[in-house]
């Protein structure tokens, strides 16, 4: 029996929409990462980029369990001395909930070229409307 190797000509990409309203942020991000990676397909290969497109709506209505809303902090560094920046999750959800969702999804993808390319196919929106209606995305149930 031979190992299946997907070719770029064989890969067909579908569009999915995930509604994050009243769902835990991590559950939504894990489902999106699975679709972006292509692990829900029978033709999955870890070295190939065979995933689908994902549109996440209602990012502002995603919830966190426990005390994460007050205690969770995102850090990034500018590269300069004393350049450590921190943003509380509660502030990020008020100002930019799409970025919080994309950071969660990106953290669940592999840290290589396949993961970075997969994240470009993820779109997040704070409200319940999106711009990808022409692609006719299917609703994905979590």
N, C-alpha and C. Protein backbone atom coordinates (compact mmCIF):
# COMPACT_ATOMS: atom_id res chain seq x y z
N UNK A 1 0.84 -1.18 0.00
CA UNK A 1 0.00 0.00 0.00
C UNK A 1 0.89 1.24 0.00
N UNK A 2 0.58 2.19 -0.86
CA UNK A 2 1.41 3.38 -0.97
C UNK A 2 0.79 4.54 -0.18
N UNK A 3 1.63 5.48 0.21
CA UNK A 3 1.19 6.66 0.95
C UNK A 3 0.61 7.67 -0.01
N UNK A 4 -0.53 8.25 0.34
CA UNK A 4 -1.16 9.24 -0.51
C UNK A 4 -0.42 10.57 -0.41
N UNK A 5 -0.05 11.13 -1.54
CA UNK A 5 0.61 12.44 -1.60
C UNK A 5 -0.26 13.39 -2.40
N UNK A 6 -0.92 14.34 -1.76
CA UNK A 6 -1.78 15.26 -2.51
C UNK A 6 -0.98 16.21 -3.38
N UNK A 7 -1.48 16.44 -4.59
CA UNK A 7 -0.86 17.38 -5.51
C UNK A 7 -1.64 18.69 -5.45
N UNK A 8 -1.01 19.77 -5.83
CA UNK A 8 -1.69 21.07 -5.78
C UNK A 8 -2.86 21.11 -6.76
N UNK A 9 -2.81 20.35 -7.83
CA UNK A 9 -3.92 20.33 -8.78
C UNK A 9 -5.11 19.54 -8.24
N UNK A 10 -4.88 18.64 -7.29
CA UNK A 10 -5.96 17.82 -6.73
C UNK A 10 -6.69 18.50 -5.57
N UNK A 11 -6.12 19.57 -5.03
CA UNK A 11 -6.69 20.21 -3.84
C UNK A 11 -7.83 21.13 -4.24
N UNK A 12 -9.00 20.89 -3.65
CA UNK A 12 -10.16 21.77 -3.85
C UNK A 12 -10.46 22.43 -2.51
N UNK A 13 -10.61 23.73 -2.54
CA UNK A 13 -10.83 24.48 -1.31
C UNK A 13 -12.28 24.94 -1.23
N UNK A 14 -12.92 24.62 -0.10
CA UNK A 14 -14.28 25.06 0.17
C UNK A 14 -14.25 26.22 1.15
N UNK A 15 -15.39 26.86 1.31
CA UNK A 15 -15.53 27.98 2.24
C UNK A 15 -16.49 27.58 3.35
N UNK A 16 -16.10 27.87 4.59
CA UNK A 16 -16.94 27.59 5.75
C UNK A 16 -17.10 28.87 6.56
N UNK A 17 -18.26 29.02 7.19
CA UNK A 17 -18.50 30.14 8.10
C UNK A 17 -18.81 29.56 9.48
N UNK A 18 -18.15 30.12 10.49
CA UNK A 18 -18.33 29.68 11.88
C UNK A 18 -18.89 30.85 12.67
N UNK A 19 -19.98 30.62 13.39
CA UNK A 19 -20.58 31.64 14.23
C UNK A 19 -20.03 31.47 15.65
N UNK A 20 -19.34 32.51 16.15
CA UNK A 20 -18.70 32.44 17.47
C UNK A 20 -19.56 33.00 18.58
N UNK A 21 -20.81 33.36 18.30
CA UNK A 21 -21.66 33.97 19.32
C UNK A 21 -21.95 32.98 20.44
N UNK A 22 -21.67 33.38 21.67
CA UNK A 22 -21.94 32.62 22.88
C UNK A 22 -21.23 31.26 22.90
N UNK A 23 -20.09 31.16 22.23
CA UNK A 23 -19.28 29.95 22.25
C UNK A 23 -17.91 30.31 22.82
N UNK A 24 -17.25 29.36 23.49
CA UNK A 24 -15.91 29.65 24.01
C UNK A 24 -14.92 29.96 22.88
N UNK A 25 -14.07 30.93 23.12
CA UNK A 25 -13.10 31.36 22.13
C UNK A 25 -12.20 30.22 21.67
N UNK A 26 -11.74 29.41 22.61
CA UNK A 26 -10.84 28.31 22.27
C UNK A 26 -11.50 27.23 21.43
N UNK A 27 -12.78 26.95 21.69
CA UNK A 27 -13.48 25.93 20.90
C UNK A 27 -13.63 26.39 19.45
N UNK A 28 -13.96 27.66 19.27
CA UNK A 28 -14.11 28.21 17.92
C UNK A 28 -12.76 28.21 17.21
N UNK A 29 -11.70 28.62 17.91
CA UNK A 29 -10.38 28.67 17.32
C UNK A 29 -9.87 27.27 16.96
N UNK A 30 -10.15 26.28 17.78
CA UNK A 30 -9.73 24.91 17.49
C UNK A 30 -10.45 24.36 16.26
N UNK A 31 -11.74 24.64 16.14
CA UNK A 31 -12.49 24.18 14.97
C UNK A 31 -11.97 24.87 13.70
N UNK A 32 -11.68 26.16 13.79
CA UNK A 32 -11.16 26.89 12.63
C UNK A 32 -9.78 26.37 12.24
N UNK A 33 -8.93 26.09 13.21
CA UNK A 33 -7.59 25.58 12.91
C UNK A 33 -7.66 24.21 12.25
N UNK A 34 -8.60 23.38 12.66
CA UNK A 34 -8.76 22.06 12.05
C UNK A 34 -9.15 22.19 10.58
N UNK A 35 -10.07 23.10 10.28
CA UNK A 35 -10.50 23.29 8.90
C UNK A 35 -9.39 23.91 8.07
N UNK A 36 -8.70 24.91 8.62
CA UNK A 36 -7.62 25.57 7.88
C UNK A 36 -6.49 24.61 7.55
N UNK A 37 -6.24 23.70 8.44
CA UNK A 37 -5.17 22.73 8.23
C UNK A 37 -5.59 21.61 7.28
N UNK A 38 -6.89 21.34 7.17
CA UNK A 38 -7.39 20.28 6.30
C UNK A 38 -7.49 18.94 6.98
N UNK A 39 -7.47 18.92 8.31
CA UNK A 39 -7.51 17.66 9.04
C UNK A 39 -8.88 16.99 9.00
N UNK A 40 -9.90 17.72 8.55
CA UNK A 40 -11.23 17.12 8.44
C UNK A 40 -11.43 16.43 7.10
N UNK A 41 -10.43 16.43 6.24
CA UNK A 41 -10.53 15.79 4.92
C UNK A 41 -9.84 14.43 4.94
N UNK A 42 -10.33 13.49 4.14
CA UNK A 42 -9.65 12.20 4.06
C UNK A 42 -8.32 12.27 3.32
N UNK A 43 -8.08 13.36 2.59
CA UNK A 43 -6.84 13.51 1.84
C UNK A 43 -5.81 14.34 2.59
N UNK A 44 -5.88 14.37 3.92
CA UNK A 44 -4.96 15.19 4.72
C UNK A 44 -3.54 14.64 4.65
N UNK A 45 -2.60 15.55 4.52
CA UNK A 45 -1.18 15.21 4.62
C UNK A 45 -0.52 16.32 5.44
N UNK A 46 0.27 15.98 6.44
CA UNK A 46 0.83 17.02 7.32
C UNK A 46 1.81 17.96 6.63
N UNK A 47 2.42 17.53 5.54
CA UNK A 47 3.41 18.37 4.88
C UNK A 47 2.80 19.25 3.79
N UNK A 48 1.53 19.03 3.46
CA UNK A 48 0.89 19.76 2.36
C UNK A 48 -0.16 20.72 2.90
N UNK A 49 -0.34 21.81 2.19
CA UNK A 49 -1.34 22.80 2.55
C UNK A 49 -2.62 22.47 1.80
N UNK A 50 -3.49 21.68 2.42
CA UNK A 50 -4.69 21.21 1.73
C UNK A 50 -5.97 21.63 2.46
N UNK A 51 -5.91 22.70 3.24
CA UNK A 51 -7.05 23.14 4.03
C UNK A 51 -8.02 24.01 3.26
N UNK A 52 -9.08 24.41 3.93
CA UNK A 52 -10.14 25.22 3.34
C UNK A 52 -10.11 26.64 3.91
N UNK A 53 -11.00 27.48 3.38
CA UNK A 53 -11.15 28.86 3.85
C UNK A 53 -12.15 28.89 5.00
N UNK A 54 -11.91 29.78 5.97
CA UNK A 54 -12.79 29.91 7.13
C UNK A 54 -13.14 31.38 7.34
N UNK A 55 -14.43 31.64 7.55
CA UNK A 55 -14.91 32.97 7.91
C UNK A 55 -15.53 32.85 9.30
N UNK A 56 -15.01 33.62 10.26
CA UNK A 56 -15.52 33.59 11.63
C UNK A 56 -16.28 34.89 11.87
N UNK A 57 -17.57 34.76 12.22
CA UNK A 57 -18.39 35.93 12.48
C UNK A 57 -18.72 36.01 13.97
N UNK A 58 -19.16 37.17 14.42
CA UNK A 58 -19.53 37.44 15.81
C UNK A 58 -18.36 37.19 16.77
N UNK A 59 -17.17 37.63 16.40
CA UNK A 59 -16.00 37.48 17.28
C UNK A 59 -16.17 38.28 18.57
N UNK A 60 -16.89 39.38 18.51
CA UNK A 60 -17.08 40.20 19.70
C UNK A 60 -17.96 39.51 20.74
N UNK A 61 -18.74 38.52 20.32
CA UNK A 61 -19.64 37.82 21.23
C UNK A 61 -19.06 36.51 21.75
N UNK A 62 -17.81 36.19 21.41
CA UNK A 62 -17.17 34.98 21.92
C UNK A 62 -16.91 35.17 23.42
N UNK A 63 -16.98 34.08 24.16
CA UNK A 63 -16.84 34.16 25.61
C UNK A 63 -15.59 33.40 26.07
N UNK A 64 -15.11 33.78 27.24
CA UNK A 64 -14.05 33.05 27.90
C UNK A 64 -14.57 32.55 29.23
N UNK A 65 -14.17 31.36 29.62
CA UNK A 65 -14.64 30.79 30.87
C UNK A 65 -13.70 31.20 32.00
N UNK A 66 -14.19 31.11 33.20
CA UNK A 66 -13.39 31.41 34.37
C UNK A 66 -13.05 32.89 34.48
N UNK A 67 -11.86 33.18 34.99
CA UNK A 67 -11.42 34.56 35.19
C UNK A 67 -10.51 35.05 34.07
N UNK A 68 -10.55 34.37 32.92
CA UNK A 68 -9.64 34.73 31.84
C UNK A 68 -9.90 36.13 31.32
N UNK A 69 -11.12 36.61 31.39
CA UNK A 69 -11.43 37.94 30.89
C UNK A 69 -10.62 39.02 31.62
N UNK A 70 -10.40 38.84 32.92
CA UNK A 70 -9.62 39.82 33.68
C UNK A 70 -8.14 39.47 33.74
N UNK A 71 -7.80 38.17 33.67
CA UNK A 71 -6.42 37.75 33.91
C UNK A 71 -5.60 37.49 32.65
N UNK A 72 -6.24 37.19 31.54
CA UNK A 72 -5.51 36.84 30.32
C UNK A 72 -4.87 38.08 29.72
N UNK A 73 -3.59 37.96 29.34
CA UNK A 73 -2.84 39.09 28.79
C UNK A 73 -2.07 38.62 27.56
N UNK A 74 -2.10 39.41 26.49
CA UNK A 74 -1.32 39.14 25.29
C UNK A 74 -0.04 39.99 25.35
N UNK A 75 1.10 39.36 25.07
CA UNK A 75 2.38 40.04 25.08
C UNK A 75 2.97 40.05 23.67
N UNK A 76 3.67 41.14 23.33
CA UNK A 76 4.51 41.16 22.15
C UNK A 76 5.67 42.11 22.41
N UNK A 77 6.75 41.88 21.72
CA UNK A 77 7.97 42.65 21.96
C UNK A 77 8.36 43.38 20.68
N UNK A 78 8.78 44.64 20.84
CA UNK A 78 9.16 45.45 19.69
C UNK A 78 10.56 45.12 19.18
N UNK A 79 11.36 44.45 19.99
CA UNK A 79 12.73 44.14 19.62
C UNK A 79 13.72 45.10 20.24
N UNK A 80 13.25 46.17 20.82
CA UNK A 80 14.11 47.14 21.48
C UNK A 80 14.15 46.86 22.99
N UNK A 81 15.15 47.42 23.65
CA UNK A 81 15.28 47.25 25.09
C UNK A 81 14.08 47.90 25.78
N UNK A 82 13.44 47.16 26.65
CA UNK A 82 12.26 47.66 27.34
C UNK A 82 11.03 47.73 26.46
N UNK A 83 11.02 46.99 25.36
CA UNK A 83 9.93 47.09 24.39
C UNK A 83 8.86 46.03 24.55
N UNK A 84 8.70 45.46 25.74
CA UNK A 84 7.65 44.47 25.96
C UNK A 84 6.31 45.18 26.13
N UNK A 85 5.37 44.85 25.27
CA UNK A 85 4.04 45.45 25.31
C UNK A 85 3.07 44.40 25.81
N UNK A 86 2.06 44.82 26.53
CA UNK A 86 1.04 43.89 27.00
C UNK A 86 -0.33 44.52 26.82
N UNK A 87 -1.28 43.67 26.42
CA UNK A 87 -2.66 44.11 26.21
C UNK A 87 -3.55 43.12 26.94
N UNK A 88 -4.41 43.60 27.80
CA UNK A 88 -5.35 42.73 28.51
C UNK A 88 -6.42 42.25 27.53
N UNK A 89 -6.90 41.05 27.79
CA UNK A 89 -7.90 40.47 26.91
C UNK A 89 -9.18 41.29 26.90
N UNK A 90 -9.55 41.84 28.04
CA UNK A 90 -10.78 42.65 28.08
C UNK A 90 -10.65 43.88 27.19
N UNK A 91 -9.46 44.51 27.16
CA UNK A 91 -9.24 45.66 26.29
C UNK A 91 -9.24 45.25 24.82
N UNK A 92 -8.63 44.10 24.52
CA UNK A 92 -8.57 43.64 23.14
C UNK A 92 -9.97 43.29 22.62
N UNK A 93 -10.81 42.73 23.47
CA UNK A 93 -12.16 42.40 23.03
C UNK A 93 -13.00 43.65 22.79
N UNK A 94 -12.71 44.73 23.52
CA UNK A 94 -13.43 45.98 23.27
C UNK A 94 -12.95 46.64 21.99
N UNK A 95 -11.63 46.70 21.80
CA UNK A 95 -11.07 47.46 20.69
C UNK A 95 -10.93 46.66 19.40
N UNK A 96 -10.49 45.41 19.48
CA UNK A 96 -10.20 44.64 18.27
C UNK A 96 -10.47 43.15 18.50
N UNK A 97 -11.74 42.73 18.54
CA UNK A 97 -12.03 41.32 18.81
C UNK A 97 -11.57 40.38 17.69
N UNK A 98 -11.46 40.90 16.45
CA UNK A 98 -11.00 40.05 15.35
C UNK A 98 -9.55 39.61 15.58
N UNK A 99 -8.74 40.51 16.10
CA UNK A 99 -7.33 40.19 16.34
C UNK A 99 -7.20 39.13 17.44
N UNK A 100 -8.04 39.20 18.46
CA UNK A 100 -8.00 38.19 19.52
C UNK A 100 -8.32 36.81 18.96
N UNK A 101 -9.29 36.74 18.06
CA UNK A 101 -9.65 35.45 17.46
C UNK A 101 -8.53 34.94 16.55
N UNK A 102 -7.94 35.82 15.74
CA UNK A 102 -6.87 35.39 14.85
C UNK A 102 -5.63 34.96 15.61
N UNK A 103 -5.34 35.60 16.75
CA UNK A 103 -4.21 35.18 17.58
C UNK A 103 -4.46 33.79 18.16
N UNK A 104 -5.69 33.51 18.55
CA UNK A 104 -6.02 32.19 19.09
C UNK A 104 -5.92 31.12 18.02
N UNK A 105 -6.41 31.42 16.82
CA UNK A 105 -6.33 30.45 15.72
C UNK A 105 -4.88 30.23 15.32
N UNK A 106 -4.11 31.30 15.22
CA UNK A 106 -2.71 31.18 14.83
C UNK A 106 -1.88 30.41 15.83
N UNK A 107 -2.25 30.48 17.10
CA UNK A 107 -1.54 29.72 18.12
C UNK A 107 -1.79 28.23 18.02
N UNK A 108 -2.86 27.82 17.34
CA UNK A 108 -3.19 26.41 17.20
C UNK A 108 -2.71 25.82 15.88
N UNK A 109 -2.07 26.62 15.04
CA UNK A 109 -1.52 26.14 13.78
C UNK A 109 -0.03 25.87 13.95
N UNK A 110 0.55 25.04 13.09
CA UNK A 110 1.99 24.78 13.22
C UNK A 110 2.82 26.03 12.93
N UNK A 111 3.96 26.11 13.57
CA UNK A 111 4.83 27.28 13.42
C UNK A 111 5.82 27.03 12.28
N UNK A 112 5.32 26.94 11.07
CA UNK A 112 6.16 26.76 9.89
C UNK A 112 5.45 27.40 8.70
N UNK A 113 5.95 27.15 7.50
CA UNK A 113 5.38 27.80 6.31
C UNK A 113 3.95 27.33 6.04
N UNK A 114 3.66 26.08 6.35
CA UNK A 114 2.29 25.58 6.14
C UNK A 114 1.32 26.30 7.06
N UNK A 115 1.69 26.51 8.32
CA UNK A 115 0.82 27.21 9.27
C UNK A 115 0.63 28.67 8.91
N UNK A 116 1.69 29.34 8.49
CA UNK A 116 1.57 30.76 8.12
C UNK A 116 0.72 30.93 6.87
N UNK A 117 0.85 30.03 5.92
CA UNK A 117 0.03 30.09 4.71
C UNK A 117 -1.42 29.77 5.03
N UNK A 118 -1.65 28.86 5.95
CA UNK A 118 -3.02 28.49 6.32
C UNK A 118 -3.75 29.66 6.98
N UNK A 119 -3.05 30.43 7.78
CA UNK A 119 -3.69 31.54 8.49
C UNK A 119 -4.15 32.64 7.54
N UNK A 120 -3.58 32.72 6.35
CA UNK A 120 -4.02 33.74 5.39
C UNK A 120 -5.41 33.44 4.85
N UNK A 121 -5.88 32.21 5.02
CA UNK A 121 -7.21 31.84 4.55
C UNK A 121 -8.29 32.01 5.62
N UNK A 122 -7.94 32.60 6.75
CA UNK A 122 -8.90 32.82 7.83
C UNK A 122 -9.28 34.29 7.86
N UNK A 123 -10.59 34.55 7.91
CA UNK A 123 -11.10 35.91 8.01
C UNK A 123 -12.00 35.99 9.23
N UNK A 124 -11.85 37.06 9.99
CA UNK A 124 -12.63 37.23 11.22
C UNK A 124 -13.35 38.57 11.19
N UNK A 125 -14.59 38.57 11.67
CA UNK A 125 -15.41 39.77 11.71
C UNK A 125 -16.06 39.90 13.08
N UNK A 126 -16.13 41.12 13.58
CA UNK A 126 -16.71 41.36 14.90
C UNK A 126 -18.23 41.19 14.88
N UNK A 127 -18.87 41.58 13.79
CA UNK A 127 -20.32 41.51 13.69
C UNK A 127 -20.79 40.24 13.01
N UNK A 128 -22.08 40.25 12.65
CA UNK A 128 -22.65 39.05 12.04
C UNK A 128 -22.69 39.12 10.52
N UNK A 129 -22.10 40.13 9.91
CA UNK A 129 -22.05 40.21 8.45
C UNK A 129 -20.60 40.03 7.99
N UNK A 130 -20.44 39.48 6.80
CA UNK A 130 -19.11 39.28 6.24
C UNK A 130 -19.14 39.60 4.75
N UNK A 131 -17.96 39.74 4.17
CA UNK A 131 -17.83 40.16 2.78
C UNK A 131 -17.69 38.99 1.82
N UNK A 132 -17.73 37.76 2.29
CA UNK A 132 -17.51 36.60 1.44
C UNK A 132 -18.80 35.90 1.04
N UNK A 133 -19.86 36.65 0.80
CA UNK A 133 -21.12 36.03 0.40
C UNK A 133 -21.06 35.47 -1.02
N UNK A 134 -20.22 36.04 -1.87
CA UNK A 134 -20.10 35.56 -3.24
C UNK A 134 -19.50 34.17 -3.31
N UNK A 135 -18.72 33.78 -2.31
CA UNK A 135 -18.12 32.45 -2.29
C UNK A 135 -19.06 31.37 -1.77
N UNK A 136 -20.24 31.76 -1.32
CA UNK A 136 -21.26 30.85 -0.80
C UNK A 136 -20.71 29.90 0.26
N UNK A 137 -20.27 30.45 1.41
CA UNK A 137 -19.71 29.58 2.45
C UNK A 137 -20.79 28.74 3.13
N UNK A 138 -20.40 27.53 3.52
CA UNK A 138 -21.29 26.63 4.24
C UNK A 138 -21.18 26.90 5.74
N UNK A 139 -22.27 26.74 6.46
CA UNK A 139 -22.24 26.89 7.91
C UNK A 139 -21.58 25.66 8.52
N UNK A 140 -20.65 25.89 9.45
CA UNK A 140 -19.96 24.79 10.12
C UNK A 140 -20.42 24.79 11.56
N UNK A 141 -20.95 23.66 12.01
CA UNK A 141 -21.45 23.53 13.38
C UNK A 141 -20.35 23.02 14.30
N UNK A 142 -20.23 23.65 15.45
CA UNK A 142 -19.23 23.22 16.44
C UNK A 142 -19.91 22.30 17.45
